[in-house]
Amino acid sequence: MKRIAGLPHAPPGLARFHADPATLKTWDAFGNFESGSAKRELAVALGERQRGLCAYCEIGLIDMDRRIEHVVPRSDPIRGSALACDHGNLLAVCNGGSRPDIFGGESRLTDRSRYLPPTKANLSCDASKENRPASEFIDPRQFPGAPSPIRVTGDGELKTDQIACASNGIAPKTVDDHIVGMNLNCERLNIARAAVRERLLELGQTVAEAHYPAWVATKILPNAERRLAPFFTTARSFFGPLAEAILAAPPQSWI
């Protein structure tokens, strides 16, 4: 998990929805607005703002594995309805390993990073947190940019970095609870992150020393399409101080 930038304003379709006096201002009504095109536009805008990554697990967002998450859930009895269509309450996330029909062993798109049995044990992100209060989790838009309070071990497991937490003024237990609540250390994600580390190790051995910093930059900075490589924090943790030095250079908004 990394810090992300939220949408600065509503995309055109959502803005038109808010301005339309004939529509009920509910999430279901928005889903049907303009035959669903406004909602699709919103999902794409959120994903682009997040550099193409799920706001929680950092898997790459694709059309078949993308949904819109409400930070304050619609079920919240006090703020849920009022914030249901507020762009400031929305994130782009993956399906959290909940789609065996698309990515399971019987499908033509088998992808163990997106679905792995047993299903319940490998659910993550909003598919794992259910309807628990937003206060139990960290809004990634408020997550520290640097240094990262999370590091990734060789087997792909997320660990709370207590020194970085102290530097950022965040309680380590807050990060621990978020990792557990989002089930970000499920086997499915650990395998995927370990594979990223293994690939980086393999590729790095072929890079000349003089070219190594520039090569590292290509692995942790946005590409020409302004997207980051999936599991950004894994590469960031793998490259350590060199990654932090590269990320510290402007512009940072945040990466």
Protein backbone atom coordinates (compact mmCIF):
# COMPACT_ATOMS: atom_id res chain seq x y z
CA MET A 1 0.00 0.00 0.00
CA LYS A 2 1.19 3.46 -0.88
CA ARG A 3 -0.05 6.99 -0.63
CA ILE A 4 -2.29 7.97 -3.52
CA ALA A 5 -3.68 11.22 -4.83
CA GLY A 6 -7.45 11.59 -4.79
CA LEU A 7 -9.53 13.15 -7.53
CA PRO A 8 -9.33 16.95 -7.29
CA HIS A 9 -12.82 17.32 -8.74
CA ALA A 10 -15.69 15.25 -10.09
CA PRO A 11 -15.23 13.90 -13.64
CA PRO A 12 -17.64 15.39 -16.22
CA GLY A 13 -20.21 12.59 -15.99
CA LEU A 14 -20.42 12.75 -12.21
CA ALA A 15 -20.61 16.55 -12.37
CA ARG A 16 -23.53 16.31 -14.80
CA PHE A 17 -25.22 13.83 -12.47
CA HIS A 18 -24.96 16.23 -9.54
CA ALA A 19 -26.28 19.09 -11.69
CA ASP A 20 -29.25 17.14 -13.05
CA PRO A 21 -32.35 18.15 -11.03
CA ALA A 22 -34.29 15.12 -12.25
CA THR A 23 -32.06 12.46 -10.67
CA LEU A 24 -32.14 11.06 -7.16
CA LYS A 25 -28.68 11.53 -5.68
CA THR A 26 -28.12 7.87 -4.83
CA TRP A 27 -25.36 5.50 -5.86
CA ASP A 28 -27.80 3.22 -7.69
CA ALA A 29 -29.17 6.18 -9.62
CA PHE A 30 -25.66 7.21 -10.57
CA GLY A 31 -24.93 3.70 -11.81
CA ASN A 32 -27.80 4.02 -14.29
CA PHE A 33 -27.06 7.62 -15.24
CA GLU A 34 -26.24 8.06 -18.93
CA SER A 35 -26.62 4.29 -19.38
CA GLY A 36 -23.73 3.62 -17.02
CA SER A 37 -21.14 5.56 -19.01
CA ALA A 38 -20.67 8.17 -16.25
CA LYS A 39 -19.83 5.46 -13.72
CA ARG A 40 -17.39 3.82 -16.12
CA GLU A 41 -15.76 7.20 -16.73
CA LEU A 42 -15.42 7.70 -12.97
CA ALA A 43 -13.79 4.28 -12.48
CA VAL A 44 -11.24 5.05 -15.20
CA ALA A 45 -10.53 8.52 -13.80
CA LEU A 46 -9.93 7.12 -10.32
CA GLY A 47 -7.63 4.43 -11.69
CA GLU A 48 -5.62 6.93 -13.69
CA ARG A 49 -5.28 9.19 -10.67
CA GLN A 50 -3.93 6.17 -8.73
CA ARG A 51 -1.32 5.44 -11.42
CA GLY A 52 -3.20 2.31 -12.50
CA LEU A 53 -2.96 0.52 -9.14
CA CYS A 54 -5.54 -0.77 -6.69
CA ALA A 55 -5.66 1.69 -3.80
CA TYR A 56 -5.07 -1.10 -1.29
CA CYS A 57 -3.08 -4.06 -2.64
CA GLU A 58 -1.39 -2.30 -5.62
CA ILE A 59 -2.29 -4.94 -8.18
CA GLY A 60 -2.66 -3.45 -11.65
CA LEU A 61 -6.24 -2.40 -12.39
CA ILE A 62 -7.77 -3.80 -15.57
CA ASP A 63 -11.29 -3.55 -17.00
CA MET A 64 -12.28 -6.97 -15.66
CA ASP A 65 -10.75 -6.39 -12.25
CA ARG A 66 -11.78 -2.91 -11.19
CA ARG A 67 -14.51 -1.51 -9.00
CA ILE A 68 -15.27 1.67 -7.08
CA GLU A 69 -14.82 1.61 -3.32
CA HIS A 70 -16.53 3.91 -0.81
CA VAL A 71 -14.09 4.86 1.95
CA VAL A 72 -17.04 5.68 4.19
CA PRO A 73 -19.34 2.78 3.25
CA ARG A 74 -22.86 3.43 2.04
CA SER A 75 -24.08 1.41 5.02
CA ASP A 76 -22.72 4.04 7.43
CA PRO A 77 -25.85 5.29 9.21
CA ILE A 78 -24.61 8.86 9.59
CA ARG A 79 -22.52 9.74 6.54
CA GLY A 80 -23.09 6.88 4.10
CA SER A 81 -25.92 8.36 2.06
CA ALA A 82 -24.49 11.87 1.94
CA LEU A 83 -21.08 10.66 0.70
CA ALA A 84 -22.27 7.92 -1.64
CA CYS A 85 -21.74 10.02 -4.78
CA ASP A 86 -19.01 12.32 -3.43
CA HIS A 87 -15.83 11.98 -5.53
CA GLY A 88 -13.82 12.66 -2.37
CA ASN A 89 -15.12 9.44 -0.83
CA LEU A 90 -14.24 7.15 -3.73
CA LEU A 91 -11.26 4.97 -4.65
CA ALA A 92 -10.51 2.52 -7.45
CA VAL A 93 -9.86 -0.98 -6.18
CA CYS A 94 -9.62 -4.51 -7.54
CA ASN A 95 -12.18 -7.24 -6.90
CA GLY A 96 -10.02 -8.53 -4.06
CA GLY A 97 -9.75 -12.08 -5.35
CA SER A 98 -13.52 -12.56 -5.41
CA ARG A 99 -14.00 -13.48 -9.09
CA PRO A 100 -13.24 -17.18 -9.73
CA ASP A 101 -15.62 -16.98 -12.69
CA ILE A 102 -13.17 -14.65 -14.46
CA PHE A 103 -9.76 -15.59 -13.07
CA GLY A 104 -10.25 -19.07 -11.60
CA GLY A 105 -8.87 -22.35 -12.89
CA GLU A 106 -11.86 -23.02 -15.12
CA SER A 107 -11.65 -19.66 -16.90
CA ARG A 108 -9.58 -18.76 -19.92
CA LEU A 109 -7.97 -15.92 -17.95
CA THR A 110 -6.47 -17.96 -15.11
CA ASP A 111 -4.44 -15.59 -12.97
CA ARG A 112 -3.31 -16.68 -9.50
CA SER A 113 -2.56 -13.09 -8.50
CA ARG A 114 -6.26 -12.25 -9.02
CA TYR A 115 -7.88 -15.43 -7.74
CA LEU A 116 -6.57 -18.30 -5.63
CA PRO A 117 -8.50 -20.92 -3.67
CA PRO A 118 -9.53 -21.25 -0.94
CA THR A 119 -11.56 -18.19 -1.85
CA LYS A 120 -12.34 -16.79 1.58
CA ALA A 121 -8.75 -17.06 2.82
CA ASN A 122 -7.52 -15.17 -0.24
CA LEU A 123 -10.00 -12.31 -0.32
CA SER A 124 -8.39 -8.91 0.18
CA CYS A 125 -9.04 -5.17 0.01
CA ASP A 126 -12.71 -4.15 0.25
CA ALA A 127 -13.78 -7.76 -0.39
CA SER A 128 -12.18 -8.64 2.94
CA LYS A 129 -13.09 -5.63 5.09
CA GLU A 130 -16.83 -6.03 4.51
CA ASN A 131 -18.85 -3.20 6.10
CA ARG A 132 -16.63 -2.35 9.03
CA PRO A 133 -16.29 1.37 9.81
CA ALA A 134 -13.86 3.40 7.73
CA SER A 135 -12.19 4.49 10.98
CA GLU A 136 -10.74 0.96 11.31
CA PHE A 137 -8.69 1.40 8.15
CA ILE A 138 -6.18 3.84 6.69
CA ASP A 139 -7.37 6.05 3.88
CA PRO A 140 -4.53 5.62 1.35
CA ARG A 141 -4.83 9.30 0.47
CA GLN A 142 -3.69 10.02 4.04
CA PHE A 143 -0.95 7.38 4.09
CA PRO A 144 2.59 8.75 4.56
CA GLY A 145 4.47 9.31 1.33
CA ALA A 146 8.00 8.81 2.62
CA PRO A 147 9.53 6.97 4.25
CA SER A 148 7.14 4.08 3.67
CA PRO A 149 5.72 2.55 6.88
CA ILE A 150 5.59 -0.78 5.04
CA ARG A 151 8.38 -3.04 3.84
CA VAL A 152 8.15 -6.28 1.91
CA THR A 153 10.05 -9.40 2.91
CA GLY A 154 11.65 -11.91 0.56
CA ASP A 155 8.58 -14.13 0.66
CA GLY A 156 6.32 -11.25 -0.29
CA GLU A 157 4.90 -10.53 3.16
CA LEU A 158 4.10 -6.98 4.23
CA LYS A 159 5.70 -5.88 7.49
CA THR A 160 5.22 -2.67 9.44
CA ASP A 161 8.39 -0.59 9.61
CA GLN A 162 8.33 0.81 13.14
CA ILE A 163 11.16 3.30 12.53
CA ALA A 164 9.35 4.74 9.50
CA CYS A 165 6.13 4.86 11.50
CA ALA A 166 7.86 6.91 14.20
CA SER A 167 9.30 9.23 11.55
CA ASN A 168 5.82 9.78 10.13
CA GLY A 169 4.03 10.03 13.46
CA ILE A 170 1.81 7.03 12.79
CA ALA A 171 1.18 4.26 15.29
CA PRO A 172 2.60 0.90 14.14
CA LYS A 173 -0.55 -0.83 15.38
CA THR A 174 -2.60 1.29 12.97
CA VAL A 175 -0.59 -0.09 10.05
CA ASP A 176 -0.65 -3.63 11.47
CA ASP A 177 -4.43 -3.51 11.86
CA HIS A 178 -4.88 -2.19 8.33
CA ILE A 179 -2.78 -4.99 6.84
CA VAL A 180 -4.74 -7.60 8.79
CA GLY A 181 -8.15 -6.03 8.18
CA MET A 182 -7.56 -5.81 4.43
CA ASN A 183 -5.98 -9.29 4.44
CA LEU A 184 -3.06 -7.91 2.47
CA ASN A 185 -0.87 -10.81 3.54
CA CYS A 186 -3.08 -13.50 2.04
CA GLU A 187 -1.23 -16.24 0.18
CA ARG A 188 -2.40 -14.94 -3.21
CA LEU A 189 -0.80 -11.51 -2.74
CA ASN A 190 2.31 -12.82 -0.99
CA ILE A 191 3.02 -15.10 -3.95
CA ALA A 192 2.55 -12.24 -6.39
CA ARG A 193 4.85 -9.89 -4.47
CA ALA A 194 7.51 -12.60 -4.05
CA ALA A 195 7.42 -13.15 -7.80
CA VAL A 196 8.04 -9.43 -8.37
CA ARG A 197 11.06 -9.51 -6.06
CA GLU A 198 12.42 -12.62 -7.76
CA ARG A 199 12.05 -11.04 -11.19
CA LEU A 200 13.77 -7.83 -10.07
CA LEU A 201 16.66 -9.82 -8.64
CA GLU A 202 17.00 -11.78 -11.86
CA LEU A 203 16.86 -8.72 -14.12
CA GLY A 204 19.11 -6.62 -11.92
CA GLN A 205 21.96 -9.09 -12.30
CA THR A 206 22.08 -8.30 -16.03
CA VAL A 207 22.34 -4.52 -15.59
CA ALA A 208 25.75 -2.84 -15.66
CA GLU A 209 26.65 -1.00 -12.47
CA ALA A 210 26.85 2.37 -14.22
CA HIS A 211 23.32 1.94 -15.58
CA TYR A 212 21.81 0.51 -12.42
CA PRO A 213 20.30 3.73 -10.94
CA ALA A 214 18.63 4.61 -14.25
CA TRP A 215 17.28 1.08 -14.53
CA VAL A 216 15.90 1.22 -10.99
CA ALA A 217 14.13 4.46 -11.86
CA THR A 218 12.26 2.67 -14.65
CA LYS A 219 10.96 0.18 -12.09
CA ILE A 220 9.63 2.62 -9.52
CA LEU A 221 8.62 5.73 -11.45
CA PRO A 222 5.55 6.15 -13.69
CA ASN A 223 5.95 5.05 -17.31
CA ALA A 224 5.03 7.00 -20.43
CA GLU A 225 1.34 6.29 -19.73
CA ARG A 226 1.84 7.71 -16.20
CA ARG A 227 1.29 4.29 -14.64
CA LEU A 228 3.31 2.52 -12.00
CA ALA A 229 4.31 -1.12 -12.17
CA PRO A 230 2.02 -3.40 -10.12
CA PHE A 231 3.04 -3.93 -6.48
CA PHE A 232 4.98 -0.69 -6.39
CA THR A 233 5.85 -1.01 -2.69
CA THR A 234 7.52 -4.35 -3.37
CA ALA A 235 9.99 -2.77 -5.79
CA ARG A 236 10.40 0.24 -3.52
CA SER A 237 11.27 -2.00 -0.59
CA PHE A 238 13.53 -4.22 -2.71
CA PHE A 239 15.67 -1.29 -3.90
CA GLY A 240 15.76 0.34 -0.47
CA PRO A 241 17.70 3.62 -0.04
CA LEU A 242 18.33 3.96 -3.78
CA ALA A 243 14.58 3.86 -4.43
CA GLU A 244 13.95 6.44 -1.71
CA ALA A 245 16.56 8.77 -3.20
CA ILE A 246 14.95 8.50 -6.64
CA LEU A 247 11.45 8.99 -5.25
CA ALA A 248 12.56 12.03 -3.25
CA ALA A 249 13.33 13.99 -6.42
CA PRO A 250 10.56 16.31 -7.63
CA PRO A 251 7.87 16.18 -8.81
CA GLN A 252 6.26 14.03 -6.17
CA SER A 253 2.45 14.38 -6.10
CA TRP A 254 2.71 11.52 -4.60
CA ILE A 255 4.38 9.49 -7.33
